[in-house]
Protein backbone atom coordinates (compact mmCIF):
# COMPACT_ATOMS: atom_id res chain seq x y z
CA UNK A 1 0.13 0.03 0.16
CA UNK A 2 2.92 2.29 0.84
CA UNK A 3 3.82 2.02 -2.83
CA UNK A 4 1.46 4.88 -3.42
CA UNK A 5 3.20 7.49 -1.24
CA UNK A 6 4.53 10.72 -2.32
CA UNK A 7 5.89 14.06 -1.20
CA UNK A 8 3.33 16.30 0.40
CA UNK A 9 3.41 20.02 -0.09
CA UNK A 10 1.84 22.67 1.98
CA UNK A 11 0.46 25.41 -0.33
CA UNK A 12 -0.73 28.82 0.98
CA UNK A 13 -4.56 28.71 2.15
CA UNK A 14 -6.37 31.82 1.39
CA UNK A 15 -9.31 32.76 3.37
CA UNK A 16 -12.77 33.20 1.71
CA UNK A 17 -14.40 36.49 2.73
CA UNK A 18 -17.75 38.03 2.15
CA UNK A 19 -19.30 34.58 1.38
CA UNK A 20 -22.75 35.98 1.86
CA UNK A 21 -22.23 38.86 -0.81
CA UNK A 22 -24.01 38.25 -4.07
CA UNK A 23 -21.38 37.31 -6.76
CA UNK A 24 -22.43 37.29 -10.51
CA UNK A 25 -22.23 33.83 -11.98
CA UNK A 26 -19.78 35.13 -14.63
CA UNK A 27 -17.29 36.46 -11.74
CA UNK A 28 -17.65 33.47 -9.86
CA UNK A 29 -16.78 31.33 -12.95
CA UNK A 30 -13.73 33.56 -13.66
CA UNK A 31 -12.51 33.23 -9.99
CA UNK A 32 -12.92 29.36 -9.97
CA UNK A 33 -10.91 29.21 -13.30
CA UNK A 34 -8.00 31.57 -12.41
CA UNK A 35 -7.69 30.49 -8.70
CA UNK A 36 -5.17 27.64 -9.33
CA UNK A 37 -3.05 29.94 -11.32
CA UNK A 38 -2.48 31.87 -7.92
CA UNK A 39 -1.94 28.81 -6.16
CA UNK A 40 0.40 27.21 -8.80
CA UNK A 41 3.22 30.08 -8.01
CA UNK A 42 3.89 28.34 -4.67
CA UNK A 43 2.94 24.84 -5.36
CA UNK A 44 4.25 24.05 -8.77
CA UNK A 45 7.37 24.11 -11.02
CA UNK A 46 7.01 25.02 -14.53
CA UNK A 47 8.12 22.64 -17.08
CA UNK A 48 8.05 22.79 -20.84
CA UNK A 49 5.89 19.89 -21.89
CA UNK A 50 5.49 18.54 -25.43
CA UNK A 51 2.40 16.53 -26.54
CA UNK A 52 4.42 13.17 -25.86
CA UNK A 53 5.26 14.41 -22.41
CA UNK A 54 1.70 15.35 -21.60
CA UNK A 55 0.59 11.61 -22.25
CA UNK A 56 3.60 10.13 -20.60
CA UNK A 57 4.32 8.87 -17.01
CA UNK A 58 5.18 10.41 -13.67
CA UNK A 59 8.60 11.26 -14.57
CA UNK A 60 7.70 13.79 -17.20
CA UNK A 61 4.74 15.80 -15.30
CA UNK A 62 4.76 18.52 -12.88
CA UNK A 63 1.58 18.25 -10.50
CA UNK A 64 -0.64 20.89 -8.92
CA UNK A 65 -0.83 19.98 -5.38
CA UNK A 66 -4.21 18.68 -4.11
CA UNK A 67 -3.22 17.25 -0.96
CA UNK A 68 -4.63 20.00 0.87
CA UNK A 69 -8.05 21.39 -0.40
CA UNK A 70 -8.20 25.04 -1.53
CA UNK A 71 -11.47 26.90 -1.22
CA UNK A 72 -12.00 26.54 -4.91
CA UNK A 73 -11.83 22.70 -4.53
CA UNK A 74 -14.19 22.62 -1.66
CA UNK A 75 -16.72 25.01 -3.50
CA UNK A 76 -16.63 23.09 -6.80
CA UNK A 77 -16.79 19.56 -4.89
CA UNK A 78 -20.00 20.95 -3.06
CA UNK A 79 -21.45 22.15 -6.08
CA UNK A 80 -20.91 18.94 -8.03
CA UNK A 81 -22.42 16.85 -5.20
CA UNK A 82 -25.55 19.18 -5.34
CA UNK A 83 -25.85 18.59 -9.11
CA UNK A 84 -25.45 15.14 -8.60
CA UNK A 85 -28.30 14.99 -6.06
CA UNK A 86 -30.71 17.15 -8.26
CA UNK A 87 -30.03 15.52 -11.57
CA UNK A 88 -32.20 12.34 -11.02
CA UNK A 89 -35.43 13.95 -9.99
CA UNK A 90 -35.03 16.70 -12.55
CA UNK A 91 -34.57 14.13 -15.26
CA UNK A 92 -37.58 12.04 -14.12
CA UNK A 93 -39.87 15.23 -14.13
CA UNK A 94 -38.91 16.91 -17.33
CA UNK A 95 -37.29 14.23 -19.69
CA UNK A 96 -39.28 11.43 -21.37
CA UNK A 97 -37.66 8.03 -20.93
CA UNK A 98 -38.41 7.13 -24.53
CA UNK A 99 -36.34 10.25 -25.85
CA UNK A 100 -33.46 9.25 -28.18
CA UNK A 101 -30.30 8.69 -25.83
CA UNK A 102 -27.74 9.74 -28.49
CA UNK A 103 -29.78 13.02 -29.39
CA UNK A 104 -29.84 13.67 -25.46
CA UNK A 105 -26.13 13.39 -25.31
CA UNK A 106 -25.48 15.27 -28.33
CA UNK A 107 -27.58 18.20 -27.11
CA UNK A 108 -26.01 18.06 -23.85
CA UNK A 109 -22.44 18.39 -25.31
CA UNK A 110 -23.58 21.31 -27.45
CA UNK A 111 -25.01 23.07 -24.23
CA UNK A 112 -21.88 22.11 -22.46
CA UNK A 113 -19.84 23.77 -25.20
CA UNK A 114 -21.94 26.91 -25.01
CA UNK A 115 -21.86 27.22 -21.38
CA UNK A 116 -18.23 26.82 -21.12
CA UNK A 117 -17.48 29.28 -23.86
CA UNK A 118 -19.68 31.86 -22.01
CA UNK A 119 -17.57 31.24 -18.77
CA UNK A 120 -14.22 31.14 -20.69
CA UNK A 121 -14.96 34.41 -22.28
CA UNK A 122 -16.09 36.05 -18.82
CA UNK A 123 -12.63 35.24 -17.46
CA UNK A 124 -11.34 38.40 -19.40
CA UNK A 125 -9.25 39.17 -22.36
CA UNK A 126 -5.96 38.49 -21.01
CA UNK A 127 -6.95 35.19 -19.75
CA UNK A 128 -8.39 34.16 -23.18
CA UNK A 129 -5.57 35.52 -25.03
CA UNK A 130 -3.03 33.58 -22.89
CA UNK A 131 -4.76 30.47 -23.03
CA UNK A 132 -5.36 30.75 -27.02
CA UNK A 133 -1.65 31.61 -27.30
CA UNK A 134 0.01 28.39 -28.71
CA UNK A 135 -3.24 26.46 -28.90
CA UNK A 136 -2.94 23.97 -31.67
CA UNK A 137 -5.32 21.28 -33.13
CA UNK A 138 -2.71 18.38 -32.70
CA UNK A 139 -2.27 19.25 -28.90
CA UNK A 140 -6.17 19.60 -28.53
CA UNK A 141 -6.76 16.34 -29.98
CA UNK A 142 -4.23 14.69 -27.78
CA UNK A 143 -5.48 16.47 -24.57
CA UNK A 144 -9.26 16.36 -25.02
CA UNK A 145 -9.84 14.14 -28.21
CA UNK A 146 -8.70 10.84 -26.62
CA UNK A 147 -10.55 11.41 -23.18
CA UNK A 148 -13.69 12.65 -25.17
CA UNK A 149 -13.48 9.02 -27.06
CA UNK A 150 -13.08 7.18 -23.70
CA UNK A 151 -16.00 8.87 -22.08
CA UNK A 152 -18.07 8.01 -25.06
CA UNK A 153 -16.95 4.33 -24.67
CA UNK A 154 -17.46 4.34 -21.06
CA UNK A 155 -21.06 5.55 -21.68
CA UNK A 156 -21.80 2.78 -24.13
CA UNK A 157 -20.26 -0.17 -21.68
CA UNK A 158 -22.25 1.23 -18.70
CA UNK A 159 -25.36 1.19 -20.64
CA UNK A 160 -24.78 -2.44 -21.76
CA UNK A 161 -23.63 -3.31 -18.24
CA UNK A 162 -26.83 -1.69 -16.57
CA UNK A 163 -29.12 -3.69 -18.86
CA UNK A 164 -27.41 -7.10 -18.12
CA UNK A 165 -26.84 -6.99 -14.48
CA UNK A 166 -29.07 -6.69 -11.43
CA UNK A 167 -29.05 -3.43 -9.51
CA UNK A 168 -26.79 -4.72 -6.45
CA UNK A 169 -24.15 -5.97 -8.88
CA UNK A 170 -24.23 -2.89 -10.98
CA UNK A 171 -23.93 -0.53 -8.09
CA UNK A 172 -21.12 -2.38 -6.52
CA UNK A 173 -19.04 -2.51 -9.72
CA UNK A 174 -19.80 0.99 -10.67
CA UNK A 175 -18.37 2.37 -7.44
CA UNK A 176 -14.89 0.99 -8.27
CA UNK A 177 -14.37 4.06 -10.54
CA UNK A 178 -12.70 5.97 -7.62
CA UNK A 179 -10.31 3.11 -7.10
CA UNK A 180 -9.53 3.08 -10.86
CA UNK A 181 -9.01 6.88 -10.74
CA UNK A 182 -6.35 6.68 -8.02
CA UNK A 183 -4.65 4.08 -9.96
CA UNK A 184 -4.31 5.81 -13.14
CA UNK A 185 -3.39 9.15 -11.32
CA UNK A 186 -0.35 7.14 -9.91
CA UNK A 187 0.59 5.68 -13.25
CA UNK A 188 0.13 8.57 -15.25
CA UNK A 189 0.92 11.50 -12.81
CA UNK A 190 2.64 10.06 -9.88
CA UNK A 191 -0.12 10.96 -7.56
CA UNK A 192 0.53 8.47 -5.04
CA UNK A 193 -1.83 7.42 -2.05
CA UNK A 194 -0.56 6.86 1.56
CA UNK A 195 -1.58 3.54 3.14
CA UNK A 196 -4.22 5.58 5.37
CA UNK A 197 -5.55 7.09 2.24
CA UNK A 198 -5.80 3.54 0.29
CA UNK A 199 -7.80 2.46 3.53
CA UNK A 200 -10.07 5.71 3.29
CA UNK A 201 -10.73 4.74 -0.47
CA UNK A 202 -11.98 1.32 0.63
CA UNK A 203 -14.06 2.83 3.46
CA UNK A 204 -15.47 5.21 0.82
CA UNK A 205 -16.41 2.25 -1.55
CA UNK A 206 -17.96 0.34 1.26
CA UNK A 207 -20.13 3.35 2.37
CA UNK A 208 -21.38 3.76 -1.00
CA UNK A 209 -22.48 0.10 -1.18
CA UNK A 210 -23.98 0.36 2.28
CA UNK A 211 -26.05 3.57 1.44
CA UNK A 212 -27.20 2.04 -1.92
CA UNK A 213 -28.39 -1.17 -0.15
CA UNK A 214 -26.13 -3.36 -2.10
CA UNK A 215 -24.87 -4.76 1.26
CA UNK A 216 -25.94 -4.39 4.78
CA UNK A 217 -24.35 -4.81 8.33
CA UNK A 218 -26.96 -7.47 9.32
CA UNK A 219 -26.33 -9.16 6.13
CA UNK A 220 -22.69 -9.46 6.51
CA UNK A 221 -23.17 -11.38 9.72
CA UNK A 222 -26.08 -13.60 8.46
CA UNK A 223 -23.88 -14.78 5.50
CA UNK A 224 -21.84 -17.03 7.83
CA UNK A 225 -25.00 -18.63 9.26
CA UNK A 226 -26.45 -19.26 5.89
CA UNK A 227 -23.53 -20.59 3.97
CA UNK A 228 -23.82 -24.07 5.45
CA UNK A 229 -27.36 -24.26 4.35
CA UNK A 230 -26.91 -25.75 0.88
CA UNK A 231 -30.54 -26.10 0.37
CA UNK A 232 -31.77 -22.80 1.80
CA UNK A 233 -32.26 -21.04 -1.59
CA UNK A 234 -29.56 -18.54 -0.98
CA UNK A 235 -27.64 -19.56 -4.21
CA UNK A 236 -30.33 -17.82 -6.35
CA UNK A 237 -29.82 -14.48 -4.61
CA UNK A 238 -25.99 -14.68 -5.03
CA UNK A 239 -26.34 -15.29 -8.69
CA UNK A 240 -29.32 -13.51 -10.02
CA UNK A 241 -30.71 -14.89 -13.30
CA UNK A 242 -30.39 -11.50 -15.06
CA UNK A 243 -26.78 -11.02 -14.54
CA UNK A 244 -24.42 -12.00 -17.42
CA UNK A 245 -20.54 -12.05 -16.77
CA UNK A 246 -19.68 -11.45 -20.48
CA UNK A 247 -22.45 -8.74 -21.12
CA UNK A 248 -22.85 -7.44 -17.68
CA UNK A 249 -20.03 -7.83 -15.50
CA UNK A 250 -17.22 -7.43 -17.72
CA UNK A 251 -18.69 -4.20 -19.35
CA UNK A 252 -19.10 -2.78 -16.12
CA UNK A 253 -15.55 -3.48 -14.83
CA UNK A 254 -14.19 -2.00 -18.15
CA UNK A 255 -16.32 1.08 -17.80
CA UNK A 256 -15.07 1.63 -14.34
CA UNK A 257 -11.58 1.10 -15.69
CA UNK A 258 -11.93 3.42 -18.50
CA UNK A 259 -13.59 6.23 -16.37
CA UNK A 260 -10.63 6.21 -14.10
CA UNK A 261 -8.32 6.43 -17.05
CA UNK A 262 -10.30 9.31 -18.63
CA UNK A 263 -10.40 11.18 -15.28
CA UNK A 264 -6.83 10.90 -14.92
CA UNK A 265 -6.06 12.15 -18.30
CA UNK A 266 -8.56 15.11 -17.93
CA UNK A 267 -6.86 15.88 -14.54
CA UNK A 268 -3.55 15.81 -16.22
CA UNK A 269 -4.81 18.10 -18.97
CA UNK A 270 -6.27 20.88 -16.67
CA UNK A 271 -3.58 20.63 -14.18
CA UNK A 272 -0.37 20.11 -16.12
CA UNK A 273 -0.60 20.92 -19.72
CA UNK A 274 1.99 23.41 -20.69
CA UNK A 275 3.31 23.60 -17.04
CA UNK A 276 0.41 25.42 -15.78
CA UNK A 277 -2.59 23.32 -16.97
CA UNK A 278 -5.50 23.88 -19.37
CA UNK A 279 -8.07 26.41 -18.54
CA UNK A 280 -11.01 24.23 -17.35
CA UNK A 281 -13.67 25.89 -19.54
CA UNK A 282 -11.52 25.84 -22.72
CA UNK A 283 -10.80 22.22 -21.77
CA UNK A 284 -14.65 21.45 -21.60
CA UNK A 285 -15.29 23.29 -24.81
CA UNK A 286 -12.84 20.92 -26.44
CA UNK A 287 -14.43 17.89 -24.77
CA UNK A 288 -17.94 19.02 -25.92
CA UNK A 289 -16.80 19.74 -29.43
CA UNK A 290 -15.10 16.37 -30.04
CA UNK A 291 -18.03 14.51 -28.26
CA UNK A 292 -20.67 16.32 -30.41
CA UNK A 293 -18.73 15.47 -33.72
CA UNK A 294 -18.34 11.91 -32.87
CA UNK A 295 -22.16 11.56 -31.80
CA UNK A 296 -23.15 13.30 -35.00
CA UNK A 297 -21.08 10.91 -37.03
CA UNK A 298 -22.47 7.92 -35.41
CA UNK A 299 -26.20 9.00 -36.01
CA UNK A 300 -25.40 8.92 -39.65
CA UNK A 301 -23.06 5.84 -39.81
CA UNK A 302 -25.22 3.32 -37.89
CA UNK A 303 -28.44 1.74 -38.73
CA UNK A 304 -30.31 2.79 -35.48
CA UNK A 305 -29.12 6.35 -36.00
CA UNK A 306 -30.28 6.73 -39.58
CA UNK A 307 -33.58 5.15 -38.55
CA UNK A 308 -34.20 7.70 -35.68
CA UNK A 309 -33.29 10.49 -37.97
CA UNK A 310 -35.96 9.31 -40.58
CA UNK A 311 -38.83 9.22 -37.79
CA UNK A 312 -41.13 12.10 -37.30
CA UNK A 313 -39.45 14.39 -34.95
CA UNK A 314 -36.21 12.79 -35.55
CA UNK A 315 -33.70 12.47 -32.75
CA UNK A 316 -36.24 15.08 -30.77
CA UNK A 317 -38.96 12.89 -30.62
CA UNK A 318 -40.63 12.69 -27.35
CA UNK A 319 -39.13 16.22 -26.38
CA UNK A 320 -40.98 19.04 -24.73
CA UNK A 321 -39.96 22.65 -24.20
CA UNK A 322 -38.79 21.62 -20.77
CA UNK A 323 -36.55 18.86 -21.74
CA UNK A 324 -33.72 21.33 -21.97
CA UNK A 325 -33.57 21.68 -18.25
CA UNK A 326 -32.28 18.26 -17.32
CA UNK A 327 -29.91 18.41 -20.21
CA UNK A 328 -28.44 21.64 -19.29
CA UNK A 329 -28.24 20.69 -15.76
CA UNK A 330 -26.12 17.61 -16.66
CA UNK A 331 -24.02 19.89 -19.17
CA UNK A 332 -23.36 22.19 -15.98
CA UNK A 333 -22.35 18.97 -14.18
CA UNK A 334 -19.74 18.36 -16.81
CA UNK A 335 -18.35 21.78 -16.36
CA UNK A 336 -18.12 21.18 -12.54
CA UNK A 337 -16.29 17.99 -13.26
CA UNK A 338 -13.59 19.80 -15.22
CA UNK A 339 -13.27 22.31 -12.24
CA UNK A 340 -13.19 19.69 -9.53
CA UNK A 341 -10.36 17.70 -11.79
CA UNK A 342 -8.34 21.06 -11.61
CA UNK A 343 -8.76 21.95 -7.99
CA UNK A 344 -9.06 18.68 -6.32
CA UNK A 345 -8.16 15.85 -8.58
CA UNK A 346 -10.05 12.68 -10.12
CA UNK A 347 -9.69 10.76 -6.82
CA UNK A 348 -11.40 13.43 -4.71
CA UNK A 349 -14.29 13.65 -7.29
CA UNK A 350 -15.33 10.19 -5.90
CA UNK A 351 -15.85 11.85 -2.59
CA UNK A 352 -18.18 14.59 -4.02
CA UNK A 353 -20.13 11.96 -5.89
CA UNK A 354 -20.70 10.04 -2.75
CA UNK A 355 -21.65 13.07 -0.89
CA UNK A 356 -24.19 13.71 -3.62
CA UNK A 357 -25.58 10.23 -3.10
CA UNK A 358 -26.05 10.82 0.58
CA UNK A 359 -27.69 14.24 -0.23
CA UNK A 360 -30.19 12.41 -2.46
CA UNK A 361 -31.05 9.69 0.11
CA UNK A 362 -31.48 12.35 2.88
CA UNK A 363 -33.51 14.54 0.46
CA UNK A 364 -35.68 11.74 -0.36
CA UNK A 365 -36.29 10.75 3.14
CA UNK A 366 -37.30 14.17 4.13
CA UNK A 367 -39.79 14.65 1.18
CA UNK A 368 -41.19 11.27 2.06
CA UNK A 369 -41.13 11.67 5.71
CA UNK A 370 -39.18 8.63 6.40
CA UNK A 371 -36.35 8.29 8.66
CA UNK A 372 -32.95 6.99 7.61
CA UNK A 373 -32.01 3.45 8.20
CA UNK A 374 -29.21 2.33 10.39
CA UNK A 375 -27.25 1.20 7.23
CA UNK A 376 -27.73 4.57 5.65
CA UNK A 377 -26.66 6.54 8.93
CA UNK A 378 -23.67 4.14 9.34
CA UNK A 379 -22.76 4.91 5.69
CA UNK A 380 -23.00 8.62 6.45
CA UNK A 381 -20.53 8.16 9.33
CA UNK A 382 -18.08 6.12 7.17
CA UNK A 383 -18.17 8.80 4.52
CA UNK A 384 -17.01 11.55 6.88
CA UNK A 385 -14.44 9.17 8.46
CA UNK A 386 -12.99 8.29 4.89
CA UNK A 387 -12.95 12.03 4.23
CA UNK A 388 -11.24 12.84 7.21
CA UNK A 389 -8.63 10.28 6.91
CA UNK A 390 -7.89 10.88 3.04
CA UNK A 391 -7.47 14.59 3.90
CA UNK A 392 -5.52 14.30 7.10
CA UNK A 393 -3.09 11.53 6.16
CA UNK A 394 -1.33 12.58 2.94
CA UNK A 395 1.75 10.55 1.72
CA UNK A 396 4.94 11.70 3.62
CA UNK A 397 8.06 12.84 2.19
CA UNK A 398 10.76 10.18 1.54
CA UNK A 399 8.30 7.22 1.91
CA UNK A 400 8.53 4.86 -0.96
């Protein structure tokens, strides 16, 4: 476990003032985008990275310190958790489940591009000019094109796995994305984890499964008593009939594996490209552009896509004027993901998503007037404990 250990830095920590003052959205976006440039003067060393070095291993990278969370990291993680909590009910209310999935995703990427462009331009002429200076199509394809392809592949595999596994298995395998992100951040960026941080990640995974009902405290102890009962009927519960290894479990594992790789590449792009990292809004614009192009090509290149285009309403069949609301909400979540990658890292993003999961459960219990179960309360305590351990015990200098 100690193989993940690395040098911990102590960046300057700014105090957020006037937190109750109203801040325009554009100004807030600009502050979040430029915050890390101030931090990087004390926490990073500028290196001249070529495209090959950007995709290379830890030896060729320079890291933005994420051992200690900045104000920007905390704010963006909280906003991502809130978006993750709000997305399911908004989608159920305003988006018809019969709507074409590729059409939804394509519109989402276009909206993401537009919102990112607005926030990027709101950063000011100096920031825009600085970021666009030296921009090339080849570096853009390398930084954002490959991750966009990975995210598209992950989406297909996730959908396939969801259709061919039971909910318990799917939730369990889907939560391994955080472990995958930590592994890829180590392999590509040298972002090592201390032994205690590895334990914290394991606790985070366990708490997610506990909160989703995939496992329970009582079930963990009852298993030992029922294993000896061969004819007790428990074998059917362990191997649900609708779970396929080749079409369900393997795609889920592959999706989690690819998710970690894409997250690590995105973190590397926004933190290290050119020595200071890509502007997160510019990077999200690039992701949205390449994803939109690939989805548009797939609509015309595949039989199902051409069939959907010929139908009345095309890919917008079953849409209403309010369908844009959940699509825009999800697009904003994509921008927040890039900001979290910039300020906190792909591994810490897992903590934000689990917090969103808990906020969803708490909100649903409050709306329905039901109290949280013991497993859910225990999962909340484990999330707090794992977050504390991961933040408090970073890798120590000189530990290999």
